[in-house]
């Protein structure tokens, strides 16, 4: 199923990064490196596109500690 969805998303012109399983979703939690920061400062409402490599790098630097800290400060 993931492959079919990724293929569709790519067919309409977007890049796809497989961020793992639902168990790994903490890597994308608020406050982790992949949460918005690769796309520019929050003050820039339009953001800026980044490559798949930037998103992969941000996912790789996420730690459970940063995800837990972000969740605790909400």
PDB file of N, CA and C in Angstrom:
ATOM      1  N   UNK A   1       0.822  -1.188   0.000  1.00  0.00           N
ATOM      2  CA  UNK A   1       0.000   0.000   0.000  1.00  0.00           C
ATOM      3  C   UNK A   1       0.866   1.253   0.000  1.00  0.00           C
ATOM      4  N   UNK A   2       1.952   1.267   0.812  1.00  0.00           N
ATOM      5  CA  UNK A   2       2.832   2.433   0.845  1.00  0.00           C
ATOM      6  C   UNK A   2       3.371   2.740  -0.544  1.00  0.00           C
ATOM      7  N   UNK A   3       3.761   1.702  -1.257  1.00  0.00           N
ATOM      8  CA  UNK A   3       4.338   1.892  -2.588  1.00  0.00           C
ATOM      9  C   UNK A   3       3.335   2.538  -3.542  1.00  0.00           C
ATOM     10  N   UNK A   4       2.089   2.117  -3.478  1.00  0.00           N
ATOM     11  CA  UNK A   4       1.061   2.681  -4.358  1.00  0.00           C
ATOM     12  C   UNK A   4       0.816   4.155  -4.031  1.00  0.00           C
ATOM     13  N   UNK A   5       0.778   4.479  -2.763  1.00  0.00           N
ATOM     14  CA  UNK A   5       0.564   5.873  -2.353  1.00  0.00           C
ATOM     15  C   UNK A   5       1.765   6.719  -2.758  1.00  0.00           C
ATOM     16  N   UNK A   6       2.967   6.219  -2.527  1.00  0.00           N
ATOM     17  CA  UNK A   6       4.178   6.949  -2.910  1.00  0.00           C
ATOM     18  C   UNK A   6       4.215   7.186  -4.414  1.00  0.00           C
ATOM     19  N   UNK A   7       3.845   6.187  -5.181  1.00  0.00           N
ATOM     20  CA  UNK A   7       3.826   6.327  -6.636  1.00  0.00           C
ATOM     21  C   UNK A   7       2.843   7.419  -7.068  1.00  0.00           C
ATOM     22  N   UNK A   8       1.668   7.440  -6.463  1.00  0.00           N
ATOM     23  CA  UNK A   8       0.683   8.469  -6.800  1.00  0.00           C
ATOM     24  C   UNK A   8       1.207   9.860  -6.448  1.00  0.00           C
ATOM     25  N   UNK A   9       1.750  10.001  -5.246  1.00  0.00           N
ATOM     26  CA  UNK A   9       2.247  11.310  -4.815  1.00  0.00           C
ATOM     27  C   UNK A   9       3.340  11.801  -5.762  1.00  0.00           C
ATOM     28  N   UNK A  10       4.240  10.914  -6.146  1.00  0.00           N
ATOM     29  CA  UNK A  10       5.290  11.285  -7.092  1.00  0.00           C
ATOM     30  C   UNK A  10       4.709  11.639  -8.453  1.00  0.00           C
ATOM     31  N   UNK A  11       3.642  10.971  -8.845  1.00  0.00           N
ATOM     32  CA  UNK A  11       3.046  11.231 -10.158  1.00  0.00           C
ATOM     33  C   UNK A  11       2.425  12.619 -10.262  1.00  0.00           C
ATOM     34  N   UNK A  12       2.067  13.213  -9.127  1.00  0.00           N
ATOM     35  CA  UNK A  12       1.500  14.563  -9.155  1.00  0.00           C
ATOM     36  C   UNK A  12       2.548  15.623  -8.818  1.00  0.00           C
ATOM     37  N   UNK A  13       3.814  15.210  -8.782  1.00  0.00           N
ATOM     38  CA  UNK A  13       4.896  16.168  -8.687  1.00  0.00           C
ATOM     39  C   UNK A  13       5.515  16.418  -7.327  1.00  0.00           C
ATOM     40  N   UNK A  14       5.210  15.597  -6.356  1.00  0.00           N
ATOM     41  CA  UNK A  14       5.784  15.786  -5.029  1.00  0.00           C
ATOM     42  C   UNK A  14       6.830  14.725  -4.746  1.00  0.00           C
ATOM     43  N   UNK A  15       7.785  15.047  -3.891  1.00  0.00           N
ATOM     44  CA  UNK A  15       8.767  14.069  -3.447  1.00  0.00           C
ATOM     45  C   UNK A  15       8.205  13.265  -2.300  1.00  0.00           C
ATOM     46  N   UNK A  16       8.738  12.081  -2.115  1.00  0.00           N
ATOM     47  CA  UNK A  16       8.253  11.180  -1.065  1.00  0.00           C
ATOM     48  C   UNK A  16       9.430  10.725  -0.219  1.00  0.00           C
ATOM     49  N   UNK A  17       9.268  10.795   1.079  1.00  0.00           N
ATOM     50  CA  UNK A  17      10.237  10.250   2.016  1.00  0.00           C
ATOM     51  C   UNK A  17       9.485   9.305   2.935  1.00  0.00           C
ATOM     52  N   UNK A  18       9.873   8.044   2.932  1.00  0.00           N
ATOM     53  CA  UNK A  18       9.256   7.066   3.823  1.00  0.00           C
ATOM     54  C   UNK A  18       9.864   7.265   5.203  1.00  0.00           C
ATOM     55  N   UNK A  19       9.075   7.740   6.134  1.00  0.00           N
ATOM     56  CA  UNK A  19       9.563   8.037   7.477  1.00  0.00           C
ATOM     57  C   UNK A  19       9.437   6.846   8.421  1.00  0.00           C
ATOM     58  N   UNK A  20       9.115   5.690   7.894  1.00  0.00           N
ATOM     59  CA  UNK A  20       9.056   4.495   8.725  1.00  0.00           C
ATOM     60  C   UNK A  20       7.641   4.098   9.097  1.00  0.00           C
ATOM     61  N   UNK A  21       7.564   3.320  10.137  1.00  0.00           N
ATOM     62  CA  UNK A  21       6.284   2.781  10.593  1.00  0.00           C
ATOM     63  C   UNK A  21       5.597   3.749  11.549  1.00  0.00           C
ATOM     64  N   UNK A  22       4.394   3.425  11.928  1.00  0.00           N
ATOM     65  CA  UNK A  22       3.671   4.230  12.909  1.00  0.00           C
ATOM     66  C   UNK A  22       4.452   4.300  14.219  1.00  0.00           C
ATOM     67  N   UNK A  23       5.152   3.241  14.561  1.00  0.00           N
ATOM     68  CA  UNK A  23       5.975   3.214  15.762  1.00  0.00           C
ATOM     69  C   UNK A  23       7.075   4.265  15.699  1.00  0.00           C
ATOM     70  N   UNK A  24       7.547   4.587  14.492  1.00  0.00           N
ATOM     71  CA  UNK A  24       8.602   5.580  14.301  1.00  0.00           C
ATOM     72  C   UNK A  24       8.068   7.001  14.151  1.00  0.00           C
ATOM     73  N   UNK A  25       6.772   7.192  14.268  1.00  0.00           N
ATOM     74  CA  UNK A  25       6.188   8.506  14.003  1.00  0.00           C
ATOM     75  C   UNK A  25       6.647   9.580  14.986  1.00  0.00           C
ATOM     76  N   UNK A  26       7.183   9.205  16.135  1.00  0.00           N
ATOM     77  CA  UNK A  26       7.700  10.181  17.085  1.00  0.00           C
ATOM     78  C   UNK A  26       8.795  11.032  16.446  1.00  0.00           C
ATOM     79  N   UNK A  27       9.476  10.509  15.418  1.00  0.00           N
ATOM     80  CA  UNK A  27      10.545  11.259  14.741  1.00  0.00           C
ATOM     81  C   UNK A  27      10.017  12.540  14.089  1.00  0.00           C
ATOM     82  N   UNK A  28       8.711  12.617  13.893  1.00  0.00           N
ATOM     83  CA  UNK A  28       8.098  13.779  13.262  1.00  0.00           C
ATOM     84  C   UNK A  28       7.293  14.617  14.242  1.00  0.00           C
ATOM     85  N   UNK A  29       7.455  14.354  15.529  1.00  0.00           N
ATOM     86  CA  UNK A  29       6.681  15.076  16.553  1.00  0.00           C
ATOM     87  C   UNK A  29       7.087  16.542  16.618  1.00  0.00           C
ATOM     88  N   UNK A  30       6.193  17.348  17.126  1.00  0.00           N
ATOM     89  CA  UNK A  30       6.486  18.758  17.336  1.00  0.00           C
ATOM     90  C   UNK A  30       7.777  18.903  18.136  1.00  0.00           C
ATOM     91  N   UNK A  31       8.649  19.762  17.657  1.00  0.00           N
ATOM     92  CA  UNK A  31       9.896  20.013  18.363  1.00  0.00           C
ATOM     93  C   UNK A  31      11.070  19.180  17.889  1.00  0.00           C
ATOM     94  N   UNK A  32      10.829  18.147  17.099  1.00  0.00           N
ATOM     95  CA  UNK A  32      11.931  17.368  16.559  1.00  0.00           C
ATOM     96  C   UNK A  32      12.472  18.076  15.316  1.00  0.00           C
ATOM     97  N   UNK A  33      13.685  17.716  14.863  1.00  0.00           N
ATOM     98  CA  UNK A  33      14.298  18.420  13.740  1.00  0.00           C
ATOM     99  C   UNK A  33      13.480  18.427  12.445  1.00  0.00           C
ATOM    100  N   UNK A  34      12.648  17.435  12.222  1.00  0.00           N
ATOM    101  CA  UNK A  34      11.897  17.393  10.969  1.00  0.00           C
ATOM    102  C   UNK A  34      10.602  18.206  11.038  1.00  0.00           C
ATOM    103  N   UNK A  35      10.195  18.616  12.229  1.00  0.00           N
ATOM    104  CA  UNK A  35       8.933  19.347  12.388  1.00  0.00           C
ATOM    105  C   UNK A  35       9.085  20.786  11.911  1.00  0.00           C
ATOM    106  N   UNK A  36       8.889  20.996  10.624  1.00  0.00           N
ATOM    107  CA  UNK A  36       8.873  22.334  10.059  1.00  0.00           C
ATOM    108  C   UNK A  36      10.216  22.991   9.835  1.00  0.00           C
ATOM    109  N   UNK A  37      11.178  22.779  10.708  1.00  0.00           N
ATOM    110  CA  UNK A  37      12.429  23.521  10.609  1.00  0.00           C
ATOM    111  C   UNK A  37      13.190  23.333   9.302  1.00  0.00           C
ATOM    112  N   UNK A  38      13.132  22.187   8.622  1.00  0.00           N
ATOM    113  CA  UNK A  38      13.838  22.121   7.344  1.00  0.00           C
ATOM    114  C   UNK A  38      13.236  23.046   6.288  1.00  0.00           C
ATOM    115  N   UNK A  39      12.030  23.526   6.520  1.00  0.00           N
ATOM    116  CA  UNK A  39      11.324  24.316   5.510  1.00  0.00           C
ATOM    117  C   UNK A  39      11.451  25.815   5.735  1.00  0.00           C
ATOM    118  N   UNK A  40      12.275  26.228   6.667  1.00  0.00           N
ATOM    119  CA  UNK A  40      12.483  27.646   6.920  1.00  0.00           C
ATOM    120  C   UNK A  40      11.918  28.054   8.259  1.00  0.00           C
ATOM    121  N   UNK A  41      12.133  29.310   8.634  1.00  0.00           N
ATOM    122  CA  UNK A  41      11.660  29.778   9.941  1.00  0.00           C
ATOM    123  C   UNK A  41      10.136  29.836   9.990  1.00  0.00           C
ATOM    124  N   UNK A  42       9.587  29.647  11.165  1.00  0.00           N
ATOM    125  CA  UNK A  42       8.132  29.678  11.323  1.00  0.00           C
ATOM    126  C   UNK A  42       7.539  31.029  10.940  1.00  0.00           C
ATOM    127  N   UNK A  43       8.344  32.103  11.011  1.00  0.00           N
ATOM    128  CA  UNK A  43       7.864  33.429  10.649  1.00  0.00           C
ATOM    129  C   UNK A  43       7.532  33.529   9.155  1.00  0.00           C
ATOM    130  N   UNK A  44       8.133  32.654   8.348  1.00  0.00           N
ATOM    131  CA  UNK A  44       7.890  32.645   6.901  1.00  0.00           C
ATOM    132  C   UNK A  44       6.702  31.728   6.633  1.00  0.00           C
ATOM    133  N   UNK A  45       5.527  32.278   6.515  1.00  0.00           N
ATOM    134  CA  UNK A  45       4.307  31.474   6.373  1.00  0.00           C
ATOM    135  C   UNK A  45       4.286  30.666   5.081  1.00  0.00           C
ATOM    136  N   UNK A  46       5.017  31.105   4.073  1.00  0.00           N
ATOM    137  CA  UNK A  46       5.041  30.386   2.796  1.00  0.00           C
ATOM    138  C   UNK A  46       6.019  29.224   2.815  1.00  0.00           C
ATOM    139  N   UNK A  47       7.003  29.276   3.698  1.00  0.00           N
ATOM    140  CA  UNK A  47       8.001  28.221   3.763  1.00  0.00           C
ATOM    141  C   UNK A  47       8.861  28.193   2.512  1.00  0.00           C
ATOM    142  N   UNK A  48       9.685  27.174   2.420  1.00  0.00           N
ATOM    143  CA  UNK A  48      10.492  26.985   1.228  1.00  0.00           C
ATOM    144  C   UNK A  48      10.688  25.488   1.031  1.00  0.00           C
ATOM    145  N   UNK A  49      10.627  25.039  -0.200  1.00  0.00           N
ATOM    146  CA  UNK A  49      10.780  23.603  -0.425  1.00  0.00           C
ATOM    147  C   UNK A  49      12.205  23.138  -0.121  1.00  0.00           C
ATOM    148  N   UNK A  50      12.312  21.937   0.358  1.00  0.00           N
ATOM    149  CA  UNK A  50      13.622  21.323   0.580  1.00  0.00           C
ATOM    150  C   UNK A  50      13.637  19.967  -0.102  1.00  0.00           C
ATOM    151  N   UNK A  51      14.806  19.455  -0.314  1.00  0.00           N
ATOM    152  CA  UNK A  51      14.941  18.155  -0.951  1.00  0.00           C
ATOM    153  C   UNK A  51      14.696  17.001   0.002  1.00  0.00           C
ATOM    154  N   UNK A  52      14.528  15.846  -0.574  1.00  0.00           N
ATOM    155  CA  UNK A  52      14.290  14.648   0.229  1.00  0.00           C
ATOM    156  C   UNK A  52      15.461  14.366   1.158  1.00  0.00           C
ATOM    157  N   UNK A  53      16.665  14.703   0.721  1.00  0.00           N
ATOM    158  CA  UNK A  53      17.856  14.484   1.556  1.00  0.00           C
ATOM    159  C   UNK A  53      17.807  15.280   2.848  1.00  0.00           C
ATOM    160  N   UNK A  54      17.291  16.505   2.777  1.00  0.00           N
ATOM    161  CA  UNK A  54      17.176  17.346   3.964  1.00  0.00           C
ATOM    162  C   UNK A  54      16.190  16.740   4.954  1.00  0.00           C
ATOM    163  N   UNK A  55      15.073  16.235   4.443  1.00  0.00           N
ATOM    164  CA  UNK A  55      14.077  15.607   5.318  1.00  0.00           C
ATOM    165  C   UNK A  55      14.651  14.325   5.922  1.00  0.00           C
ATOM    166  N   UNK A  56      15.333  13.521   5.124  1.00  0.00           N
ATOM    167  CA  UNK A  56      15.945  12.290   5.655  1.00  0.00           C
ATOM    168  C   UNK A  56      16.964  12.614   6.752  1.00  0.00           C
ATOM    169  N   UNK A  57      17.770  13.646   6.526  1.00  0.00           N
ATOM    170  CA  UNK A  57      18.770  14.035   7.527  1.00  0.00           C
ATOM    171  C   UNK A  57      18.097  14.490   8.815  1.00  0.00           C
ATOM    172  N   UNK A  58      17.028  15.249   8.714  1.00  0.00           N
ATOM    173  CA  UNK A  58      16.304  15.705   9.903  1.00  0.00           C
ATOM    174  C   UNK A  58      15.693  14.522  10.652  1.00  0.00           C
ATOM    175  N   UNK A  59      15.139  13.565   9.928  1.00  0.00           N
ATOM    176  CA  UNK A  59      14.594  12.366  10.571  1.00  0.00           C
ATOM    177  C   UNK A  59      15.687  11.603  11.301  1.00  0.00           C
ATOM    178  N   UNK A  60      16.866  11.531  10.688  1.00  0.00           N
ATOM    179  CA  UNK A  60      17.964  10.778  11.279  1.00  0.00           C
ATOM    180  C   UNK A  60      18.486  11.415  12.562  1.00  0.00           C
ATOM    181  N   UNK A  61      18.349  12.739  12.693  1.00  0.00           N
ATOM    182  CA  UNK A  61      18.861  13.397  13.893  1.00  0.00           C
ATOM    183  C   UNK A  61      17.848  13.451  15.032  1.00  0.00           C
ATOM    184  N   UNK A  62      16.612  13.076  14.769  1.00  0.00           N
ATOM    185  CA  UNK A  62      15.591  13.077  15.818  1.00  0.00           C
ATOM    186  C   UNK A  62      15.933  12.033  16.877  1.00  0.00           C
ATOM    187  N   UNK A  63      15.679  12.383  18.110  1.00  0.00           N
ATOM    188  CA  UNK A  63      15.892  11.442  19.209  1.00  0.00           C
ATOM    189  C   UNK A  63      14.621  11.368  20.044  1.00  0.00           C
ATOM    190  N   UNK A  64      14.477  10.298  20.762  1.00  0.00           N
ATOM    191  CA  UNK A  64      13.317  10.171  21.651  1.00  0.00           C
ATOM    192  C   UNK A  64      13.315  11.270  22.696  1.00  0.00           C
ATOM    193  N   UNK A  65      14.491  11.727  23.101  1.00  0.00           N
ATOM    194  CA  UNK A  65      14.573  12.786  24.104  1.00  0.00           C
ATOM    195  C   UNK A  65      13.963  14.078  23.577  1.00  0.00           C
ATOM    196  N   UNK A  66      14.255  14.449  22.330  1.00  0.00           N
ATOM    197  CA  UNK A  66      13.688  15.691  21.797  1.00  0.00           C
ATOM    198  C   UNK A  66      12.190  15.553  21.614  1.00  0.00           C
ATOM    199  N   UNK A  67      11.723  14.384  21.206  1.00  0.00           N
ATOM    200  CA  UNK A  67      10.287  14.175  21.044  1.00  0.00           C
ATOM    201  C   UNK A  67       9.576  14.225  22.395  1.00  0.00           C
ATOM    202  N   UNK A  68      10.165  13.611  23.411  1.00  0.00           N
ATOM    203  CA  UNK A  68       9.558  13.607  24.738  1.00  0.00           C
ATOM    204  C   UNK A  68       9.548  15.007  25.332  1.00  0.00           C
ATOM    205  N   UNK A  69      10.622  15.764  25.141  1.00  0.00           N
ATOM    206  CA  UNK A  69      10.687  17.125  25.653  1.00  0.00           C
ATOM    207  C   UNK A  69       9.636  18.002  24.976  1.00  0.00           C
ATOM    208  N   UNK A  70       9.490  17.862  23.670  1.00  0.00           N
ATOM    209  CA  UNK A  70       8.494  18.659  22.948  1.00  0.00           C
ATOM    210  C   UNK A  70       7.096  18.332  23.428  1.00  0.00           C
ATOM    211  N   UNK A  71       6.815  17.066  23.658  1.00  0.00           N
ATOM    212  CA  UNK A  71       5.499  16.647  24.114  1.00  0.00           C
ATOM    213  C   UNK A  71       5.229  17.175  25.529  1.00  0.00           C
ATOM    214  N   UNK A  72       6.254  17.175  26.384  1.00  0.00           N
ATOM    215  CA  UNK A  72       6.086  17.609  27.760  1.00  0.00           C
ATOM    216  C   UNK A  72       5.848  19.107  27.875  1.00  0.00           C
ATOM    217  N   UNK A  73       6.347  19.883  26.904  1.00  0.00           N
ATOM    218  CA  UNK A  73       6.209  21.332  26.987  1.00  0.00           C
ATOM    219  C   UNK A  73       4.959  21.863  26.304  1.00  0.00           C
ATOM    220  N   UNK A  74       4.136  21.018  25.760  1.00  0.00           N
ATOM    221  CA  UNK A  74       2.895  21.486  25.103  1.00  0.00           C
ATOM    222  C   UNK A  74       1.886  21.929  26.092  1.00  0.00           C
TER     223      UNK A  74
END
